[in-house]
Amino acid sequence: KSHPEAKREKEPKKPVIKKPLNAFMLYMKEMRAKVIAECTLKESAAINQILGRRWHALTREEQAKYYELARKERQLHMQLYPSWSARDNY
């Protein structure tokens, strides 16, 4: 026997609100193109390893720029989405 499939009304999907980027992610976003140009690598994992090593090699003062950007991004995110929780996406 075949059963006619009941057409379910699809719930409109809520837009996914991403987490604000942390300091390291902001650093990666800024430096990725430079590393790719220098190393001619295509593998994301290898590029991420290089970026990770370079991040750890930075002084606290050099990293501070990215921590400040991340702090500002978090503040903006909290203003735009005051009731947002990372759990909303799962």
N, C-alpha and C. Protein backbone atom coordinates (compact mmCIF):
# COMPACT_ATOMS: atom_id res chain seq x y z
N LYS A 1 0.83 -1.20 0.00
CA LYS A 1 0.00 0.00 0.00
C LYS A 1 0.87 1.25 0.00
N SER A 2 0.42 2.20 -0.70
CA SER A 2 1.14 3.47 -0.65
C SER A 2 0.28 4.47 0.10
N HIS A 3 0.94 5.22 0.92
CA HIS A 3 0.24 6.24 1.71
C HIS A 3 0.55 7.60 1.11
N PRO A 4 -0.49 8.36 0.87
CA PRO A 4 -0.18 9.72 0.38
C PRO A 4 0.55 10.49 1.48
N GLU A 5 1.63 11.12 1.10
CA GLU A 5 2.40 11.86 2.11
C GLU A 5 1.68 13.13 2.48
N ALA A 6 1.56 13.32 3.75
CA ALA A 6 0.92 14.55 4.23
C ALA A 6 1.89 15.69 4.00
N LYS A 7 1.41 16.70 3.36
CA LYS A 7 2.26 17.87 3.12
C LYS A 7 2.34 18.66 4.42
N ARG A 8 3.52 18.73 4.94
CA ARG A 8 3.71 19.49 6.17
C ARG A 8 4.04 20.93 5.81
N GLU A 9 3.47 21.81 6.58
CA GLU A 9 3.83 23.21 6.39
C GLU A 9 5.24 23.38 6.93
N LYS A 10 6.12 23.82 6.08
CA LYS A 10 7.49 24.03 6.54
C LYS A 10 7.55 25.31 7.35
N GLU A 11 8.16 25.16 8.53
CA GLU A 11 8.32 26.35 9.36
C GLU A 11 9.40 27.21 8.74
N PRO A 12 9.15 28.50 8.67
CA PRO A 12 10.22 29.36 8.14
C PRO A 12 11.43 29.27 9.07
N LYS A 13 12.59 29.04 8.49
CA LYS A 13 13.79 28.89 9.30
C LYS A 13 14.19 30.24 9.89
N LYS A 14 14.56 30.18 11.17
CA LYS A 14 15.08 31.39 11.80
C LYS A 14 16.47 31.65 11.23
N PRO A 15 16.80 32.90 10.99
CA PRO A 15 18.16 33.16 10.51
C PRO A 15 19.17 32.76 11.59
N VAL A 16 20.24 32.14 11.17
CA VAL A 16 21.27 31.71 12.11
C VAL A 16 22.11 32.92 12.46
N ILE A 17 22.18 33.21 13.73
CA ILE A 17 23.01 34.31 14.20
C ILE A 17 24.31 33.70 14.69
N LYS A 18 25.40 34.06 14.05
CA LYS A 18 26.69 33.49 14.41
C LYS A 18 27.26 34.17 15.65
N LYS A 19 28.15 33.42 16.32
CA LYS A 19 28.84 33.96 17.47
C LYS A 19 29.76 35.08 17.00
N PRO A 20 30.02 36.06 17.84
CA PRO A 20 31.01 37.07 17.46
C PRO A 20 32.39 36.42 17.39
N LEU A 21 33.23 36.91 16.50
CA LEU A 21 34.56 36.33 16.34
C LEU A 21 35.44 36.65 17.54
N ASN A 22 36.27 35.68 17.94
CA ASN A 22 37.21 35.93 19.03
C ASN A 22 38.50 36.53 18.45
N ALA A 23 39.44 36.85 19.33
CA ALA A 23 40.67 37.53 18.91
C ALA A 23 41.43 36.73 17.85
N PHE A 24 41.58 35.43 18.09
CA PHE A 24 42.33 34.60 17.14
C PHE A 24 41.62 34.52 15.79
N MET A 25 40.30 34.41 15.79
CA MET A 25 39.56 34.34 14.53
C MET A 25 39.69 35.65 13.75
N LEU A 26 39.70 36.77 14.45
CA LEU A 26 39.89 38.06 13.78
C LEU A 26 41.30 38.14 13.17
N TYR A 27 42.30 37.63 13.92
CA TYR A 27 43.67 37.58 13.42
C TYR A 27 43.74 36.71 12.16
N MET A 28 43.11 35.53 12.23
CA MET A 28 43.12 34.63 11.07
C MET A 28 42.47 35.28 9.85
N LYS A 29 41.36 35.95 10.09
CA LYS A 29 40.63 36.60 9.00
C LYS A 29 41.52 37.65 8.31
N GLU A 30 42.29 38.38 9.12
CA GLU A 30 43.16 39.42 8.58
C GLU A 30 44.39 38.85 7.87
N MET A 31 44.96 37.78 8.41
CA MET A 31 46.25 37.29 7.94
C MET A 31 46.19 36.13 6.94
N ARG A 32 45.05 35.49 6.79
CA ARG A 32 44.94 34.29 5.95
C ARG A 32 45.45 34.52 4.52
N ALA A 33 45.01 35.60 3.88
CA ALA A 33 45.40 35.85 2.48
C ALA A 33 46.91 36.02 2.37
N LYS A 34 47.52 36.68 3.35
CA LYS A 34 48.97 36.89 3.34
C LYS A 34 49.71 35.55 3.45
N VAL A 35 49.25 34.69 4.34
CA VAL A 35 49.88 33.38 4.52
C VAL A 35 49.73 32.54 3.25
N ILE A 36 48.55 32.56 2.65
CA ILE A 36 48.32 31.80 1.42
C ILE A 36 49.26 32.29 0.31
N ALA A 37 49.42 33.61 0.21
CA ALA A 37 50.30 34.18 -0.82
C ALA A 37 51.75 33.79 -0.57
N GLU A 38 52.17 33.78 0.69
CA GLU A 38 53.57 33.46 1.03
C GLU A 38 53.87 31.98 0.82
N CYS A 39 52.94 31.13 1.20
CA CYS A 39 53.22 29.69 1.26
C CYS A 39 52.69 28.90 0.08
N THR A 40 51.85 29.49 -0.71
CA THR A 40 51.18 28.82 -1.83
C THR A 40 50.53 27.49 -1.42
N LEU A 41 50.04 27.43 -0.20
CA LEU A 41 49.33 26.24 0.28
C LEU A 41 47.85 26.41 0.02
N LYS A 42 47.19 25.30 -0.19
CA LYS A 42 45.74 25.35 -0.39
C LYS A 42 45.00 24.69 0.76
N GLU A 43 45.67 23.78 1.48
CA GLU A 43 45.00 23.04 2.55
C GLU A 43 44.72 23.95 3.73
N SER A 44 43.47 24.03 4.08
CA SER A 44 43.04 24.90 5.17
C SER A 44 43.72 24.53 6.49
N ALA A 45 43.86 23.23 6.76
CA ALA A 45 44.45 22.79 8.03
C ALA A 45 45.90 23.26 8.15
N ALA A 46 46.66 23.17 7.06
CA ALA A 46 48.06 23.60 7.08
C ALA A 46 48.15 25.11 7.29
N ILE A 47 47.27 25.84 6.64
CA ILE A 47 47.25 27.30 6.79
C ILE A 47 46.90 27.67 8.23
N ASN A 48 45.92 26.97 8.79
CA ASN A 48 45.52 27.24 10.17
C ASN A 48 46.66 26.95 11.14
N GLN A 49 47.45 25.90 10.87
CA GLN A 49 48.59 25.58 11.73
C GLN A 49 49.61 26.72 11.71
N ILE A 50 49.89 27.22 10.52
CA ILE A 50 50.85 28.33 10.39
C ILE A 50 50.32 29.55 11.13
N LEU A 51 49.04 29.85 10.92
CA LEU A 51 48.44 31.01 11.59
C LEU A 51 48.47 30.83 13.11
N GLY A 52 48.24 29.63 13.57
CA GLY A 52 48.29 29.35 15.01
C GLY A 52 49.68 29.58 15.58
N ARG A 53 50.70 29.11 14.86
CA ARG A 53 52.07 29.31 15.32
C ARG A 53 52.42 30.80 15.35
N ARG A 54 52.00 31.52 14.30
CA ARG A 54 52.29 32.96 14.25
C ARG A 54 51.55 33.71 15.36
N TRP A 55 50.32 33.29 15.64
CA TRP A 55 49.54 33.92 16.71
C TRP A 55 50.27 33.76 18.05
N HIS A 56 50.76 32.56 18.33
CA HIS A 56 51.45 32.31 19.60
C HIS A 56 52.80 33.03 19.65
N ALA A 57 53.37 33.33 18.49
CA ALA A 57 54.65 34.04 18.44
C ALA A 57 54.48 35.55 18.67
N LEU A 58 53.26 36.05 18.53
CA LEU A 58 53.03 37.48 18.75
C LEU A 58 53.22 37.84 20.21
N THR A 59 53.64 39.07 20.44
CA THR A 59 53.74 39.55 21.83
C THR A 59 52.33 39.86 22.33
N ARG A 60 52.21 40.02 23.64
CA ARG A 60 50.91 40.38 24.22
C ARG A 60 50.40 41.70 23.65
N GLU A 61 51.34 42.62 23.39
CA GLU A 61 50.96 43.92 22.84
C GLU A 61 50.40 43.76 21.43
N GLU A 62 51.02 42.90 20.63
CA GLU A 62 50.54 42.66 19.27
C GLU A 62 49.17 41.97 19.29
N GLN A 63 49.00 41.04 20.22
CA GLN A 63 47.71 40.34 20.33
C GLN A 63 46.63 41.27 20.87
N ALA A 64 47.01 42.26 21.66
CA ALA A 64 46.05 43.15 22.32
C ALA A 64 45.13 43.82 21.30
N LYS A 65 45.66 44.16 20.13
CA LYS A 65 44.86 44.78 19.06
C LYS A 65 43.64 43.90 18.74
N TYR A 66 43.89 42.61 18.62
CA TYR A 66 42.82 41.67 18.24
C TYR A 66 41.86 41.41 19.40
N TYR A 67 42.39 41.39 20.62
CA TYR A 67 41.51 41.24 21.79
C TYR A 67 40.58 42.44 21.91
N GLU A 68 41.10 43.62 21.59
CA GLU A 68 40.26 44.83 21.65
C GLU A 68 39.19 44.78 20.55
N LEU A 69 39.57 44.37 19.35
CA LEU A 69 38.59 44.23 18.26
C LEU A 69 37.52 43.21 18.64
N ALA A 70 37.93 42.11 19.26
CA ALA A 70 36.98 41.07 19.66
C ALA A 70 36.03 41.60 20.74
N ARG A 71 36.55 42.40 21.65
CA ARG A 71 35.72 42.99 22.70
C ARG A 71 34.66 43.90 22.08
N LYS A 72 35.08 44.72 21.11
CA LYS A 72 34.13 45.62 20.44
C LYS A 72 33.09 44.82 19.66
N GLU A 73 33.53 43.75 19.01
CA GLU A 73 32.60 42.92 18.25
C GLU A 73 31.58 42.26 19.18
N ARG A 74 32.04 41.80 20.36
CA ARG A 74 31.11 41.20 21.34
C ARG A 74 30.09 42.22 21.81
N GLN A 75 30.57 43.45 22.09
CA GLN A 75 29.65 44.50 22.55
C GLN A 75 28.59 44.80 21.50
N LEU A 76 29.02 44.94 20.25
CA LEU A 76 28.09 45.21 19.16
C LEU A 76 27.08 44.07 19.01
N HIS A 77 27.59 42.85 19.10
CA HIS A 77 26.73 41.67 18.99
C HIS A 77 25.67 41.68 20.10
N MET A 78 26.08 42.04 21.31
CA MET A 78 25.14 42.08 22.44
C MET A 78 24.09 43.17 22.24
N GLN A 79 24.47 44.27 21.60
CA GLN A 79 23.51 45.34 21.33
C GLN A 79 22.52 44.92 20.24
N LEU A 80 23.03 44.26 19.21
CA LEU A 80 22.17 43.85 18.09
C LEU A 80 21.25 42.69 18.46
N TYR A 81 21.75 41.78 19.29
CA TYR A 81 21.00 40.57 19.65
C TYR A 81 21.02 40.38 21.17
N PRO A 82 20.32 41.23 21.91
CA PRO A 82 20.42 41.19 23.38
C PRO A 82 20.00 39.86 24.02
N SER A 83 19.05 39.16 23.43
CA SER A 83 18.60 37.91 24.06
C SER A 83 19.22 36.68 23.42
N TRP A 84 20.23 36.87 22.56
CA TRP A 84 20.85 35.77 21.84
C TRP A 84 21.67 34.88 22.77
N SER A 85 21.62 33.60 22.49
CA SER A 85 22.46 32.62 23.18
C SER A 85 23.04 31.70 22.12
N ALA A 86 24.26 31.23 22.31
CA ALA A 86 24.88 30.32 21.34
C ALA A 86 24.02 29.07 21.17
N ARG A 87 23.25 28.73 22.18
CA ARG A 87 22.39 27.54 22.11
C ARG A 87 21.25 27.71 21.10
N ASP A 88 20.95 28.94 20.73
CA ASP A 88 19.86 29.19 19.77
C ASP A 88 20.10 28.48 18.44
N ASN A 89 21.36 28.25 18.09
CA ASN A 89 21.70 27.66 16.79
C ASN A 89 21.66 26.14 16.81
N TYR A 90 21.43 25.54 17.97
CA TYR A 90 21.48 24.08 18.06
C TYR A 90 20.16 23.50 18.48
